[in-house]
Amino acid sequence: MKEYLNGHAIAHPTEVFDPDAVRILTTAFDEAWERLQNSGVRFDSDHQSEQARNTLAKYIIEQARRGERDERRLRDGALLQFTWSNLKNPLHK
């Protein structure tokens, strides 16, 4: 998650997350990624795995930019976003 936050900092240099927010975002991301892996989803390539991680991270950061700080809502919303994006562009074509 830290690499995504670093990318966010470069793209939006005036927006800074405080240490507590970074902890919340990182925990939400780690939990979402763990749940996704435990769900049985399989990625055919490292690229697909990275796309999934990007989807989770982007959602969490965007929601945090809007003020969301609830780890559960961030985690669950990121998983829903992954599901919706996968319905539009399935991993296995």
PDB file of N, CA and C in Angstrom:
ATOM      1  N   MET A   1       0.825  -1.187   0.000  1.00  0.00           N
ATOM      2  CA  MET A   1       0.000   0.000   0.000  1.00  0.00           C
ATOM      3  C   MET A   1       0.869   1.250   0.000  1.00  0.00           C
ATOM      4  N   LYS A   2       2.023   1.175   0.623  1.00  0.00           N
ATOM      5  CA  LYS A   2       2.870   2.366   0.721  1.00  0.00           C
ATOM      6  C   LYS A   2       3.280   2.882  -0.650  1.00  0.00           C
ATOM      7  N   GLU A   3       3.520   1.977  -1.625  1.00  0.00           N
ATOM      8  CA  GLU A   3       3.890   2.449  -2.960  1.00  0.00           C
ATOM      9  C   GLU A   3       2.736   3.206  -3.618  1.00  0.00           C
ATOM     10  N   TYR A   4       1.493   2.804  -3.321  1.00  0.00           N
ATOM     11  CA  TYR A   4       0.338   3.508  -3.874  1.00  0.00           C
ATOM     12  C   TYR A   4       0.179   4.872  -3.206  1.00  0.00           C
ATOM     13  N   LEU A   5       0.428   4.903  -1.897  1.00  0.00           N
ATOM     14  CA  LEU A   5       0.362   6.193  -1.199  1.00  0.00           C
ATOM     15  C   LEU A   5       1.463   7.129  -1.683  1.00  0.00           C
ATOM     16  N   ASN A   6       2.648   6.582  -1.964  1.00  0.00           N
ATOM     17  CA  ASN A   6       3.724   7.411  -2.510  1.00  0.00           C
ATOM     18  C   ASN A   6       3.332   7.966  -3.874  1.00  0.00           C
ATOM     19  N   GLY A   7       2.713   7.132  -4.699  1.00  0.00           N
ATOM     20  CA  GLY A   7       2.240   7.597  -6.000  1.00  0.00           C
ATOM     21  C   GLY A   7       1.191   8.677  -5.854  1.00  0.00           C
ATOM     22  N   HIS A   8       0.329   8.518  -4.869  1.00  0.00           N
ATOM     23  CA  HIS A   8      -0.697   9.534  -4.601  1.00  0.00           C
ATOM     24  C   HIS A   8      -0.031  10.846  -4.189  1.00  0.00           C
ATOM     25  N   ALA A   9       0.986  10.749  -3.355  1.00  0.00           N
ATOM     26  CA  ALA A   9       1.679  11.953  -2.892  1.00  0.00           C
ATOM     27  C   ALA A   9       2.329  12.705  -4.046  1.00  0.00           C
ATOM     28  N   ILE A  10       2.837  11.969  -5.022  1.00  0.00           N
ATOM     29  CA  ILE A  10       3.445  12.602  -6.200  1.00  0.00           C
ATOM     30  C   ILE A  10       2.368  13.259  -7.060  1.00  0.00           C
ATOM     31  N   ALA A  11       1.247  12.554  -7.252  1.00  0.00           N
ATOM     32  CA  ALA A  11       0.167  13.083  -8.093  1.00  0.00           C
ATOM     33  C   ALA A  11      -0.591  14.224  -7.416  1.00  0.00           C
ATOM     34  N   HIS A  12      -0.655  14.210  -6.091  1.00  0.00           N
ATOM     35  CA  HIS A  12      -1.412  15.216  -5.334  1.00  0.00           C
ATOM     36  C   HIS A  12      -0.540  15.737  -4.190  1.00  0.00           C
ATOM     37  N   PRO A  13       0.476  16.523  -4.517  1.00  0.00           N
ATOM     38  CA  PRO A  13       1.440  16.925  -3.485  1.00  0.00           C
ATOM     39  C   PRO A  13       0.868  17.769  -2.350  1.00  0.00           C
ATOM     40  N   THR A  14      -0.293  18.374  -2.545  1.00  0.00           N
ATOM     41  CA  THR A  14      -0.858  19.195  -1.475  1.00  0.00           C
ATOM     42  C   THR A  14      -1.742  18.387  -0.530  1.00  0.00           C
ATOM     43  N   GLU A  15      -2.032  17.139  -0.891  1.00  0.00           N
ATOM     44  CA  GLU A  15      -2.857  16.275  -0.036  1.00  0.00           C
ATOM     45  C   GLU A  15      -1.947  15.337   0.744  1.00  0.00           C
ATOM     46  N   VAL A  16      -2.080  15.373   2.051  1.00  0.00           N
ATOM     47  CA  VAL A  16      -1.243  14.542   2.908  1.00  0.00           C
ATOM     48  C   VAL A  16      -2.145  13.783   3.871  1.00  0.00           C
ATOM     49  N   PHE A  17      -1.891  12.486   4.018  1.00  0.00           N
ATOM     50  CA  PHE A  17      -2.599  11.690   5.014  1.00  0.00           C
ATOM     51  C   PHE A  17      -1.756  11.657   6.282  1.00  0.00           C
ATOM     52  N   ASP A  18      -2.387  11.892   7.417  1.00  0.00           N
ATOM     53  CA  ASP A  18      -1.661  11.838   8.678  1.00  0.00           C
ATOM     54  C   ASP A  18      -1.314  10.382   9.015  1.00  0.00           C
ATOM     55  N   PRO A  19      -0.404  10.166   9.957  1.00  0.00           N
ATOM     56  CA  PRO A  19       0.034   8.796  10.278  1.00  0.00           C
ATOM     57  C   PRO A  19      -1.110   7.860  10.659  1.00  0.00           C
ATOM     58  N   ASP A  20      -2.105   8.355  11.376  1.00  0.00           N
ATOM     59  CA  ASP A  20      -3.229   7.505  11.749  1.00  0.00           C
ATOM     60  C   ASP A  20      -4.027   7.089  10.512  1.00  0.00           C
ATOM     61  N   ALA A  21      -4.230   8.023   9.591  1.00  0.00           N
ATOM     62  CA  ALA A  21      -4.944   7.696   8.351  1.00  0.00           C
ATOM     63  C   ALA A  21      -4.157   6.679   7.532  1.00  0.00           C
ATOM     64  N   VAL A  22      -2.849   6.826   7.467  1.00  0.00           N
ATOM     65  CA  VAL A  22      -2.017   5.875   6.729  1.00  0.00           C
ATOM     66  C   VAL A  22      -2.160   4.478   7.328  1.00  0.00           C
ATOM     67  N   ARG A  23      -2.195   4.399   8.652  1.00  0.00           N
ATOM     68  CA  ARG A  23      -2.383   3.106   9.316  1.00  0.00           C
ATOM     69  C   ARG A  23      -3.732   2.498   8.941  1.00  0.00           C
ATOM     70  N   ILE A  24      -4.773   3.304   8.956  1.00  0.00           N
ATOM     71  CA  ILE A  24      -6.114   2.831   8.607  1.00  0.00           C
ATOM     72  C   ILE A  24      -6.150   2.347   7.162  1.00  0.00           C
ATOM     73  N   LEU A  25      -5.607   3.143   6.244  1.00  0.00           N
ATOM     74  CA  LEU A  25      -5.616   2.772   4.826  1.00  0.00           C
ATOM     75  C   LEU A  25      -4.810   1.504   4.593  1.00  0.00           C
ATOM     76  N   THR A  26      -3.667   1.407   5.233  1.00  0.00           N
ATOM     77  CA  THR A  26      -2.819   0.226   5.063  1.00  0.00           C
ATOM     78  C   THR A  26      -3.511  -1.019   5.606  1.00  0.00           C
ATOM     79  N   THR A  27      -4.133  -0.900   6.760  1.00  0.00           N
ATOM     80  CA  THR A  27      -4.848  -2.037   7.337  1.00  0.00           C
ATOM     81  C   THR A  27      -6.009  -2.456   6.442  1.00  0.00           C
ATOM     82  N   ALA A  28      -6.768  -1.494   5.959  1.00  0.00           N
ATOM     83  CA  ALA A  28      -7.896  -1.811   5.070  1.00  0.00           C
ATOM     84  C   ALA A  28      -7.407  -2.513   3.814  1.00  0.00           C
ATOM     85  N   PHE A  29      -6.320  -2.019   3.227  1.00  0.00           N
ATOM     86  CA  PHE A  29      -5.760  -2.643   2.027  1.00  0.00           C
ATOM     87  C   PHE A  29      -5.272  -4.057   2.316  1.00  0.00           C
ATOM     88  N   ASP A  30      -4.504  -4.219   3.384  1.00  0.00           N
ATOM     89  CA  ASP A  30      -3.965  -5.541   3.720  1.00  0.00           C
ATOM     90  C   ASP A  30      -5.078  -6.552   3.974  1.00  0.00           C
ATOM     91  N   GLU A  31      -6.125  -6.124   4.677  1.00  0.00           N
ATOM     92  CA  GLU A  31      -7.247  -7.016   4.951  1.00  0.00           C
ATOM     93  C   GLU A  31      -8.020  -7.349   3.677  1.00  0.00           C
ATOM     94  N   ALA A  32      -8.214  -6.365   2.812  1.00  0.00           N
ATOM     95  CA  ALA A  32      -8.909  -6.619   1.546  1.00  0.00           C
ATOM     96  C   ALA A  32      -8.107  -7.609   0.694  1.00  0.00           C
ATOM     97  N   TRP A  33      -6.801  -7.393   0.609  1.00  0.00           N
ATOM     98  CA  TRP A  33      -5.954  -8.279  -0.190  1.00  0.00           C
ATOM     99  C   TRP A  33      -5.968  -9.693   0.374  1.00  0.00           C
ATOM    100  N   GLU A  34      -5.897  -9.822   1.695  1.00  0.00           N
ATOM    101  CA  GLU A  34      -5.934 -11.140   2.331  1.00  0.00           C
ATOM    102  C   GLU A  34      -7.259 -11.842   2.055  1.00  0.00           C
ATOM    103  N   ARG A  35      -8.352 -11.119   2.181  1.00  0.00           N
ATOM    104  CA  ARG A  35      -9.666 -11.720   1.906  1.00  0.00           C
ATOM    105  C   ARG A  35      -9.794 -12.132   0.450  1.00  0.00           C
ATOM    106  N   LEU A  36      -9.275 -11.328  -0.440  1.00  0.00           N
ATOM    107  CA  LEU A  36      -9.335 -11.674  -1.858  1.00  0.00           C
ATOM    108  C   LEU A  36      -8.549 -12.949  -2.126  1.00  0.00           C
ATOM    109  N   GLN A  37      -7.360 -13.030  -1.568  1.00  0.00           N
ATOM    110  CA  GLN A  37      -6.545 -14.240  -1.751  1.00  0.00           C
ATOM    111  C   GLN A  37      -7.218 -15.460  -1.140  1.00  0.00           C
ATOM    112  N   ASN A  38      -7.847 -15.302   0.019  1.00  0.00           N
ATOM    113  CA  ASN A  38      -8.509 -16.422   0.690  1.00  0.00           C
ATOM    114  C   ASN A  38      -9.830 -16.807   0.039  1.00  0.00           C
ATOM    115  N   SER A  39     -10.318 -15.984  -0.873  1.00  0.00           N
ATOM    116  CA  SER A  39     -11.604 -16.247  -1.524  1.00  0.00           C
ATOM    117  C   SER A  39     -11.503 -17.348  -2.574  1.00  0.00           C
ATOM    118  N   GLY A  40     -10.291 -17.682  -2.957  1.00  0.00           N
ATOM    119  CA  GLY A  40     -10.109 -18.705  -3.985  1.00  0.00           C
ATOM    120  C   GLY A  40      -9.859 -18.137  -5.367  1.00  0.00           C
ATOM    121  N   VAL A  41      -9.911 -16.815  -5.517  1.00  0.00           N
ATOM    122  CA  VAL A  41      -9.623 -16.217  -6.818  1.00  0.00           C
ATOM    123  C   VAL A  41      -8.178 -16.532  -7.183  1.00  0.00           C
ATOM    124  N   ARG A  42      -7.964 -16.847  -8.446  1.00  0.00           N
ATOM    125  CA  ARG A  42      -6.622 -17.159  -8.934  1.00  0.00           C
ATOM    126  C   ARG A  42      -6.274 -16.198 -10.062  1.00  0.00           C
ATOM    127  N   PHE A  43      -5.035 -15.760 -10.052  1.00  0.00           N
ATOM    128  CA  PHE A  43      -4.549 -14.859 -11.083  1.00  0.00           C
ATOM    129  C   PHE A  43      -3.618 -15.645 -11.995  1.00  0.00           C
ATOM    130  N   ASP A  44      -3.808 -15.473 -13.297  1.00  0.00           N
ATOM    131  CA  ASP A  44      -2.993 -16.197 -14.273  1.00  0.00           C
ATOM    132  C   ASP A  44      -1.607 -15.596 -14.438  1.00  0.00           C
ATOM    133  N   SER A  45      -1.428 -14.384 -13.959  1.00  0.00           N
ATOM    134  CA  SER A  45      -0.128 -13.721 -14.137  1.00  0.00           C
ATOM    135  C   SER A  45       0.099 -12.717 -13.016  1.00  0.00           C
ATOM    136  N   ASP A  46       1.353 -12.312 -12.886  1.00  0.00           N
ATOM    137  CA  ASP A  46       1.684 -11.259 -11.932  1.00  0.00           C
ATOM    138  C   ASP A  46       0.984  -9.959 -12.317  1.00  0.00           C
ATOM    139  N   HIS A  47       0.800  -9.751 -13.614  1.00  0.00           N
ATOM    140  CA  HIS A  47       0.123  -8.544 -14.089  1.00  0.00           C
ATOM    141  C   HIS A  47      -1.315  -8.502 -13.572  1.00  0.00           C
ATOM    142  N   GLN A  48      -2.016  -9.613 -13.631  1.00  0.00           N
ATOM    143  CA  GLN A  48      -3.392  -9.651 -13.131  1.00  0.00           C
ATOM    144  C   GLN A  48      -3.435  -9.412 -11.628  1.00  0.00           C
ATOM    145  N   SER A  49      -2.490  -9.979 -10.913  1.00  0.00           N
ATOM    146  CA  SER A  49      -2.408  -9.774  -9.478  1.00  0.00           C
ATOM    147  C   SER A  49      -2.157  -8.296  -9.166  1.00  0.00           C
ATOM    148  N   GLU A  50      -1.266  -7.687  -9.911  1.00  0.00           N
ATOM    149  CA  GLU A  50      -0.962  -6.269  -9.718  1.00  0.00           C
ATOM    150  C   GLU A  50      -2.176  -5.404 -10.051  1.00  0.00           C
ATOM    151  N   GLN A  51      -2.925  -5.763 -11.089  1.00  0.00           N
ATOM    152  CA  GLN A  51      -4.141  -5.017 -11.429  1.00  0.00           C
ATOM    153  C   GLN A  51      -5.151  -5.079 -10.283  1.00  0.00           C
ATOM    154  N   ALA A  52      -5.284  -6.244  -9.686  1.00  0.00           N
ATOM    155  CA  ALA A  52      -6.208  -6.397  -8.562  1.00  0.00           C
ATOM    156  C   ALA A  52      -5.768  -5.522  -7.391  1.00  0.00           C
ATOM    157  N   ARG A  53      -4.489  -5.547  -7.083  1.00  0.00           N
ATOM    158  CA  ARG A  53      -3.961  -4.720  -5.993  1.00  0.00           C
ATOM    159  C   ARG A  53      -4.166  -3.231  -6.296  1.00  0.00           C
ATOM    160  N   ASN A  54      -3.968  -2.843  -7.544  1.00  0.00           N
ATOM    161  CA  ASN A  54      -4.191  -1.453  -7.958  1.00  0.00           C
ATOM    162  C   ASN A  54      -5.645  -1.045  -7.746  1.00  0.00           C
ATOM    163  N   THR A  55      -6.561  -1.926  -8.127  1.00  0.00           N
ATOM    164  CA  THR A  55      -7.986  -1.638  -7.974  1.00  0.00           C
ATOM    165  C   THR A  55      -8.328  -1.409  -6.510  1.00  0.00           C
ATOM    166  N   LEU A  56      -7.835  -2.281  -5.637  1.00  0.00           N
ATOM    167  CA  LEU A  56      -8.098  -2.139  -4.203  1.00  0.00           C
ATOM    168  C   LEU A  56      -7.516  -0.828  -3.671  1.00  0.00           C
ATOM    169  N   ALA A  57      -6.256  -0.588  -3.989  1.00  0.00           N
ATOM    170  CA  ALA A  57      -5.570   0.604  -3.464  1.00  0.00           C
ATOM    171  C   ALA A  57      -6.202   1.893  -3.966  1.00  0.00           C
ATOM    172  N   LYS A  58      -6.497   1.959  -5.250  1.00  0.00           N
ATOM    173  CA  LYS A  58      -7.086   3.179  -5.805  1.00  0.00           C
ATOM    174  C   LYS A  58      -8.421   3.500  -5.154  1.00  0.00           C
ATOM    175  N   TYR A  59      -9.230   2.462  -4.944  1.00  0.00           N
ATOM    176  CA  TYR A  59     -10.522   2.687  -4.309  1.00  0.00           C
ATOM    177  C   TYR A  59     -10.329   3.226  -2.894  1.00  0.00           C
ATOM    178  N   ILE A  60      -9.468   2.576  -2.125  1.00  0.00           N
ATOM    179  CA  ILE A  60      -9.254   2.972  -0.743  1.00  0.00           C
ATOM    180  C   ILE A  60      -8.728   4.404  -0.664  1.00  0.00           C
ATOM    181  N   ILE A  61      -7.772   4.741  -1.503  1.00  0.00           N
ATOM    182  CA  ILE A  61      -7.221   6.102  -1.482  1.00  0.00           C
ATOM    183  C   ILE A  61      -8.281   7.123  -1.894  1.00  0.00           C
ATOM    184  N   GLU A  62      -9.045   6.820  -2.916  1.00  0.00           N
ATOM    185  CA  GLU A  62     -10.078   7.759  -3.370  1.00  0.00           C
ATOM    186  C   GLU A  62     -11.108   8.000  -2.270  1.00  0.00           C
ATOM    187  N   GLN A  63     -11.530   6.947  -1.612  1.00  0.00           N
ATOM    188  CA  GLN A  63     -12.505   7.115  -0.532  1.00  0.00           C
ATOM    189  C   GLN A  63     -11.902   7.891   0.637  1.00  0.00           C
ATOM    190  N   ALA A  64     -10.635   7.658   0.925  1.00  0.00           N
ATOM    191  CA  ALA A  64      -9.962   8.402   1.990  1.00  0.00           C
ATOM    192  C   ALA A  64      -9.856   9.881   1.629  1.00  0.00           C
ATOM    193  N   ARG A  65      -9.634  10.176   0.365  1.00  0.00           N
ATOM    194  CA  ARG A  65      -9.599  11.577  -0.079  1.00  0.00           C
ATOM    195  C   ARG A  65     -10.938  12.256   0.197  1.00  0.00           C
ATOM    196  N   ARG A  66     -12.001  11.482   0.169  1.00  0.00           N
ATOM    197  CA  ARG A  66     -13.348  12.007   0.424  1.00  0.00           C
ATOM    198  C   ARG A  66     -13.684  12.012   1.919  1.00  0.00           C
ATOM    199  N   GLY A  67     -12.737  11.544   2.747  1.00  0.00           N
ATOM    200  CA  GLY A  67     -12.929  11.621   4.189  1.00  0.00           C
ATOM    201  C   GLY A  67     -13.239  10.321   4.903  1.00  0.00           C
ATOM    202  N   GLU A  68     -13.395   9.224   4.159  1.00  0.00           N
ATOM    203  CA  GLU A  68     -13.709   7.951   4.808  1.00  0.00           C
ATOM    204  C   GLU A  68     -12.510   7.451   5.609  1.00  0.00           C
ATOM    205  N   ARG A  69     -12.766   7.028   6.853  1.00  0.00           N
ATOM    206  CA  ARG A  69     -11.694   6.513   7.702  1.00  0.00           C
ATOM    207  C   ARG A  69     -12.080   5.211   8.401  1.00  0.00           C
ATOM    208  N   ASP A  70     -13.215   4.642   8.038  1.00  0.00           N
ATOM    209  CA  ASP A  70     -13.645   3.382   8.640  1.00  0.00           C
ATOM    210  C   ASP A  70     -12.990   2.222   7.889  1.00  0.00           C
ATOM    211  N   GLU A  71     -12.138   1.469   8.592  1.00  0.00           N
ATOM    212  CA  GLU A  71     -11.397   0.373   7.945  1.00  0.00           C
ATOM    213  C   GLU A  71     -12.318  -0.643   7.279  1.00  0.00           C
ATOM    214  N   ARG A  72     -13.403  -1.003   7.951  1.00  0.00           N
ATOM    215  CA  ARG A  72     -14.324  -2.005   7.415  1.00  0.00           C
ATOM    216  C   ARG A  72     -14.975  -1.524   6.123  1.00  0.00           C
ATOM    217  N   ARG A  73     -15.446  -0.279   6.130  1.00  0.00           N
ATOM    218  CA  ARG A  73     -16.085   0.246   4.914  1.00  0.00           C
ATOM    219  C   ARG A  73     -15.076   0.373   3.779  1.00  0.00           C
ATOM    220  N   LEU A  74     -13.860   0.797   4.103  1.00  0.00           N
ATOM    221  CA  LEU A  74     -12.818   0.890   3.071  1.00  0.00           C
ATOM    222  C   LEU A  74     -12.503  -0.486   2.497  1.00  0.00           C
ATOM    223  N   ARG A  75     -12.327  -1.458   3.376  1.00  0.00           N
ATOM    224  CA  ARG A  75     -12.017  -2.827   2.948  1.00  0.00           C
ATOM    225  C   ARG A  75     -13.143  -3.408   2.090  1.00  0.00           C
ATOM    226  N   ASP A  76     -14.356  -3.362   2.625  1.00  0.00           N
ATOM    227  CA  ASP A  76     -15.485  -3.967   1.915  1.00  0.00           C
ATOM    228  C   ASP A  76     -15.780  -3.241   0.608  1.00  0.00           C
ATOM    229  N   GLY A  77     -15.667  -1.936   0.620  1.00  0.00           N
ATOM    230  CA  GLY A  77     -15.884  -1.174  -0.608  1.00  0.00           C
ATOM    231  C   GLY A  77     -14.850  -1.511  -1.671  1.00  0.00           C
ATOM    232  N   ALA A  78     -13.602  -1.697  -1.243  1.00  0.00           N
ATOM    233  CA  ALA A  78     -12.546  -2.059  -2.191  1.00  0.00           C
ATOM    234  C   ALA A  78     -12.824  -3.427  -2.802  1.00  0.00           C
ATOM    235  N   LEU A  79     -13.296  -4.358  -1.990  1.00  0.00           N
ATOM    236  CA  LEU A  79     -13.622  -5.691  -2.520  1.00  0.00           C
ATOM    237  C   LEU A  79     -14.797  -5.625  -3.496  1.00  0.00           C
ATOM    238  N   LEU A  80     -15.781  -4.806  -3.182  1.00  0.00           N
ATOM    239  CA  LEU A  80     -16.897  -4.621  -4.123  1.00  0.00           C
ATOM    240  C   LEU A  80     -16.411  -3.986  -5.425  1.00  0.00           C
ATOM    241  N   GLN A  81     -15.540  -3.003  -5.304  1.00  0.00           N
ATOM    242  CA  GLN A  81     -14.985  -2.361  -6.502  1.00  0.00           C
ATOM    243  C   GLN A  81     -14.247  -3.383  -7.363  1.00  0.00           C
ATOM    244  N   PHE A  82     -13.464  -4.250  -6.738  1.00  0.00           N
ATOM    245  CA  PHE A  82     -12.766  -5.296  -7.484  1.00  0.00           C
ATOM    246  C   PHE A  82     -13.774  -6.187  -8.204  1.00  0.00           C
ATOM    247  N   THR A  83     -14.831  -6.575  -7.503  1.00  0.00           N
ATOM    248  CA  THR A  83     -15.852  -7.439  -8.101  1.00  0.00           C
ATOM    249  C   THR A  83     -16.501  -6.765  -9.298  1.00  0.00           C
ATOM    250  N   TRP A  84     -16.882  -5.504  -9.138  1.00  0.00           N
ATOM    251  CA  TRP A  84     -17.512  -4.772 -10.234  1.00  0.00           C
ATOM    252  C   TRP A  84     -16.554  -4.636 -11.417  1.00  0.00           C
ATOM    253  N   SER A  85     -15.304  -4.323 -11.137  1.00  0.00           N
ATOM    254  CA  SER A  85     -14.349  -4.158 -12.238  1.00  0.00           C
ATOM    255  C   SER A  85     -14.097  -5.485 -12.933  1.00  0.00           C
ATOM    256  N   ASN A  86     -14.147  -6.581 -12.187  1.00  0.00           N
ATOM    257  CA  ASN A  86     -13.940  -7.896 -12.781  1.00  0.00           C
ATOM    258  C   ASN A  86     -15.150  -8.317 -13.618  1.00  0.00           C
ATOM    259  N   LEU A  87     -16.327  -7.876 -13.230  1.00  0.00           N
ATOM    260  CA  LEU A  87     -17.518  -8.172 -14.039  1.00  0.00           C
ATOM    261  C   LEU A  87     -17.436  -7.464 -15.383  1.00  0.00           C
ATOM    262  N   LYS A  88     -16.885  -6.248 -15.384  1.00  0.00           N
ATOM    263  CA  LYS A  88     -16.744  -5.491 -16.629  1.00  0.00           C
ATOM    264  C   LYS A  88     -15.615  -6.045 -17.488  1.00  0.00           C
ATOM    265  N   ASN A  89     -14.526  -6.442 -16.857  1.00  0.00           N
ATOM    266  CA  ASN A  89     -13.335  -6.930 -17.558  1.00  0.00           C
ATOM    267  C   ASN A  89     -12.835  -8.193 -16.870  1.00  0.00           C
ATOM    268  N   PRO A  90     -13.421  -9.338 -17.169  1.00  0.00           N
ATOM    269  CA  PRO A  90     -13.063 -10.570 -16.473  1.00  0.00           C
ATOM    270  C   PRO A  90     -11.552 -10.878 -16.545  1.00  0.00           C
ATOM    271  N   LEU A  91     -11.056 -11.444 -15.447  1.00  0.00           N
ATOM    272  CA  LEU A  91      -9.651 -11.830 -15.398  1.00  0.00           C
ATOM    273  C   LEU A  91      -9.328 -12.903 -16.429  1.00  0.00           C
ATOM    274  N   HIS A  92     -10.260 -13.821 -16.601  1.00  0.00           N
ATOM    275  CA  HIS A  92     -10.027 -14.980 -17.477  1.00  0.00           C
ATOM    276  C   HIS A  92     -10.825 -14.824 -18.762  1.00  0.00           C
ATOM    277  N   LYS A  93     -10.188 -14.305 -19.779  1.00  0.00           N
ATOM    278  CA  LYS A  93     -10.878 -14.129 -21.068  1.00  0.00           C
ATOM    279  C   LYS A  93     -10.519 -15.256 -21.993  1.00  0.00           C
TER     280      LYS A  93
END
